[in-house]
Protein backbone atom coordinates (compact mmCIF):
# COMPACT_ATOMS: atom_id res chain seq x y z
CA MET A 1 49.60 88.64 -5.01
CA SER A 2 50.61 85.01 -4.08
CA ASP A 3 52.18 83.62 -0.96
CA ALA A 4 55.41 83.33 -2.85
CA ASN A 5 55.60 79.57 -3.29
CA ILE A 6 58.02 79.90 -6.12
CA PRO A 7 60.87 77.15 -6.26
CA GLY A 8 64.19 78.75 -7.43
CA ASP A 9 65.13 75.67 -9.60
CA LEU A 10 62.27 76.08 -12.07
CA LYS A 11 61.58 78.41 -14.94
CA TYR A 12 58.21 80.14 -15.46
CA THR A 13 55.87 81.87 -17.98
CA ALA A 14 53.68 84.96 -17.65
CA GLU A 15 50.79 82.48 -18.15
CA HIS A 16 51.74 80.78 -14.73
CA GLU A 17 53.25 77.56 -16.20
CA TRP A 18 56.57 76.21 -14.80
CA ALA A 19 59.18 74.33 -16.45
CA ARG A 20 61.78 71.88 -14.99
CA ILE A 21 64.61 71.52 -17.43
CA GLN A 22 66.39 68.16 -17.52
CA GLY A 23 68.75 68.23 -20.44
CA ASN A 24 66.83 68.15 -23.72
CA LYS A 25 63.64 67.40 -21.80
CA VAL A 26 61.31 69.82 -19.88
CA VAL A 27 58.53 68.79 -17.36
CA VAL A 28 55.76 71.33 -17.44
CA GLY A 29 52.95 72.07 -14.76
CA ILE A 30 50.95 75.17 -13.49
CA THR A 31 52.26 77.25 -10.64
CA HIS A 32 51.04 77.39 -7.10
CA HIS A 33 49.61 80.81 -7.90
CA ALA A 34 47.72 79.37 -10.84
CA GLN A 35 46.22 76.41 -8.97
CA GLN A 36 45.35 78.92 -5.99
CA THR A 37 43.65 81.18 -8.39
CA LEU A 38 41.74 78.52 -10.16
CA GLY A 39 40.48 76.95 -6.94
CA ASP A 40 39.49 73.26 -6.70
CA VAL A 41 40.50 71.68 -10.00
CA VAL A 42 37.87 69.11 -11.05
CA TYR A 43 39.13 68.01 -14.61
CA VAL A 44 42.20 68.21 -16.81
CA GLU A 45 42.12 67.73 -20.41
CA LEU A 46 45.56 66.23 -21.49
CA PRO A 47 47.28 66.08 -24.96
CA LYS A 48 48.47 62.93 -26.50
CA THR A 49 51.89 61.63 -26.18
CA GLY A 50 53.76 62.26 -29.44
CA ALA A 51 51.85 65.53 -30.24
CA LYS A 52 53.91 68.46 -31.12
CA VAL A 53 53.43 71.76 -29.38
CA ALA A 54 54.51 75.31 -30.07
CA LYS A 55 55.73 77.85 -27.60
CA GLY A 56 52.84 79.77 -26.29
CA GLU A 57 50.12 77.65 -27.90
CA PRO A 58 47.38 75.83 -25.97
CA PHE A 59 47.93 72.16 -25.34
CA GLY A 60 45.14 71.34 -22.95
CA THR A 61 42.77 72.67 -20.40
CA VAL A 62 42.08 72.79 -16.57
CA GLU A 63 38.62 73.10 -15.35
CA SER A 64 38.05 74.22 -11.82
CA VAL A 65 35.08 75.16 -9.77
CA LYS A 66 35.61 78.74 -10.83
CA ALA A 67 36.52 78.50 -14.50
CA VAL A 68 38.01 76.68 -17.45
CA SER A 69 41.66 77.75 -18.28
CA GLU A 70 43.85 76.72 -21.18
CA LEU A 71 47.20 75.35 -20.66
CA PHE A 72 50.05 77.05 -22.71
CA SER A 73 53.28 75.37 -23.71
CA PRO A 74 56.14 77.33 -22.37
CA LEU A 75 58.43 75.74 -25.19
CA SER A 76 58.23 74.22 -28.57
CA GLY A 77 58.68 70.39 -28.75
CA THR A 78 57.11 66.97 -28.78
CA ILE A 79 55.30 65.58 -25.90
CA THR A 80 57.07 62.55 -24.55
CA LYS A 81 55.05 61.83 -21.37
CA VAL A 82 51.61 62.79 -20.19
CA ASN A 83 50.56 62.57 -16.47
CA GLU A 84 47.63 60.18 -16.78
CA GLU A 85 47.19 60.19 -12.95
CA LEU A 86 45.56 63.60 -13.31
CA THR A 87 42.66 62.12 -15.18
CA GLU A 88 41.65 60.10 -12.08
CA GLY A 89 42.91 62.65 -9.61
CA PRO A 90 42.71 66.24 -11.04
CA GLU A 91 42.92 67.50 -7.39
CA THR A 92 46.62 66.49 -7.50
CA LEU A 93 47.24 69.95 -9.31
CA ASN A 94 45.95 71.70 -6.10
CA GLU A 95 47.84 69.44 -3.74
CA ASP A 96 51.22 69.24 -5.30
CA PRO A 97 51.64 71.52 -8.29
CA TYR A 98 55.51 71.20 -8.31
CA GLY A 99 55.74 67.63 -7.83
CA GLU A 100 52.83 64.78 -8.44
CA GLY A 101 50.75 67.47 -10.31
CA TRP A 102 53.17 67.78 -13.25
CA ILE A 103 51.24 67.77 -16.57
CA ILE A 104 53.46 66.99 -19.60
CA GLU A 105 57.04 66.23 -20.48
CA LEU A 106 58.40 67.70 -23.70
CA GLU A 107 61.38 67.04 -25.81
CA LEU A 108 62.63 70.42 -26.93
CA SER A 109 62.79 71.31 -30.65
CA ASP A 110 64.48 74.63 -30.09
CA SER A 111 66.58 75.21 -26.94
CA SER A 112 67.21 78.76 -27.61
CA GLN A 113 63.64 79.40 -26.32
CA LEU A 114 64.99 78.42 -22.81
CA GLY A 115 66.31 82.07 -22.40
CA GLU A 116 62.85 83.44 -22.83
CA LEU A 117 61.49 81.94 -19.73
CA LEU A 118 61.33 83.78 -16.45
CA ASP A 119 63.54 82.84 -13.50
CA ALA A 120 62.02 82.66 -9.87
CA ALA A 121 62.98 86.22 -9.07
CA ALA A 122 61.37 87.59 -12.34
CA TYR A 123 58.16 85.42 -11.73
CA ALA A 124 57.90 86.69 -8.18
CA GLU A 125 58.18 90.25 -9.50
CA LEU A 126 55.43 89.48 -12.03
CA LEU A 127 53.19 88.35 -9.25
CA LYS A 128 53.86 91.37 -7.25
CA ASN A 129 52.96 93.59 -9.94
CA ALA A 130 49.77 91.67 -11.01
């Protein structure tokens, strides 16, 4: 179980990604629980700006001292920004997963998928039962 570092203003997936919804755009990262489970992140493989991603499909990888994990898109859309800072400083995912450790920004192609994401309470319950 996590130490419950789960911001209430974000949405979540069961794969431990978070989504910050800003109009038709969504900033995506991994949760505190995910970075804690991975351990020290040493490499992040990022997608290219302009790439199209589908909800639930992998868009990159995170390599830690423990494992390599795929990153799954919480929603479908086009990648409009990539956090290139993570290439030089992958440890930012450990240090600030909800802030400077954001990974991509998407422009949504299907806003009806927003209702399929978990709110903070539902994500906390998921962690409790994990």
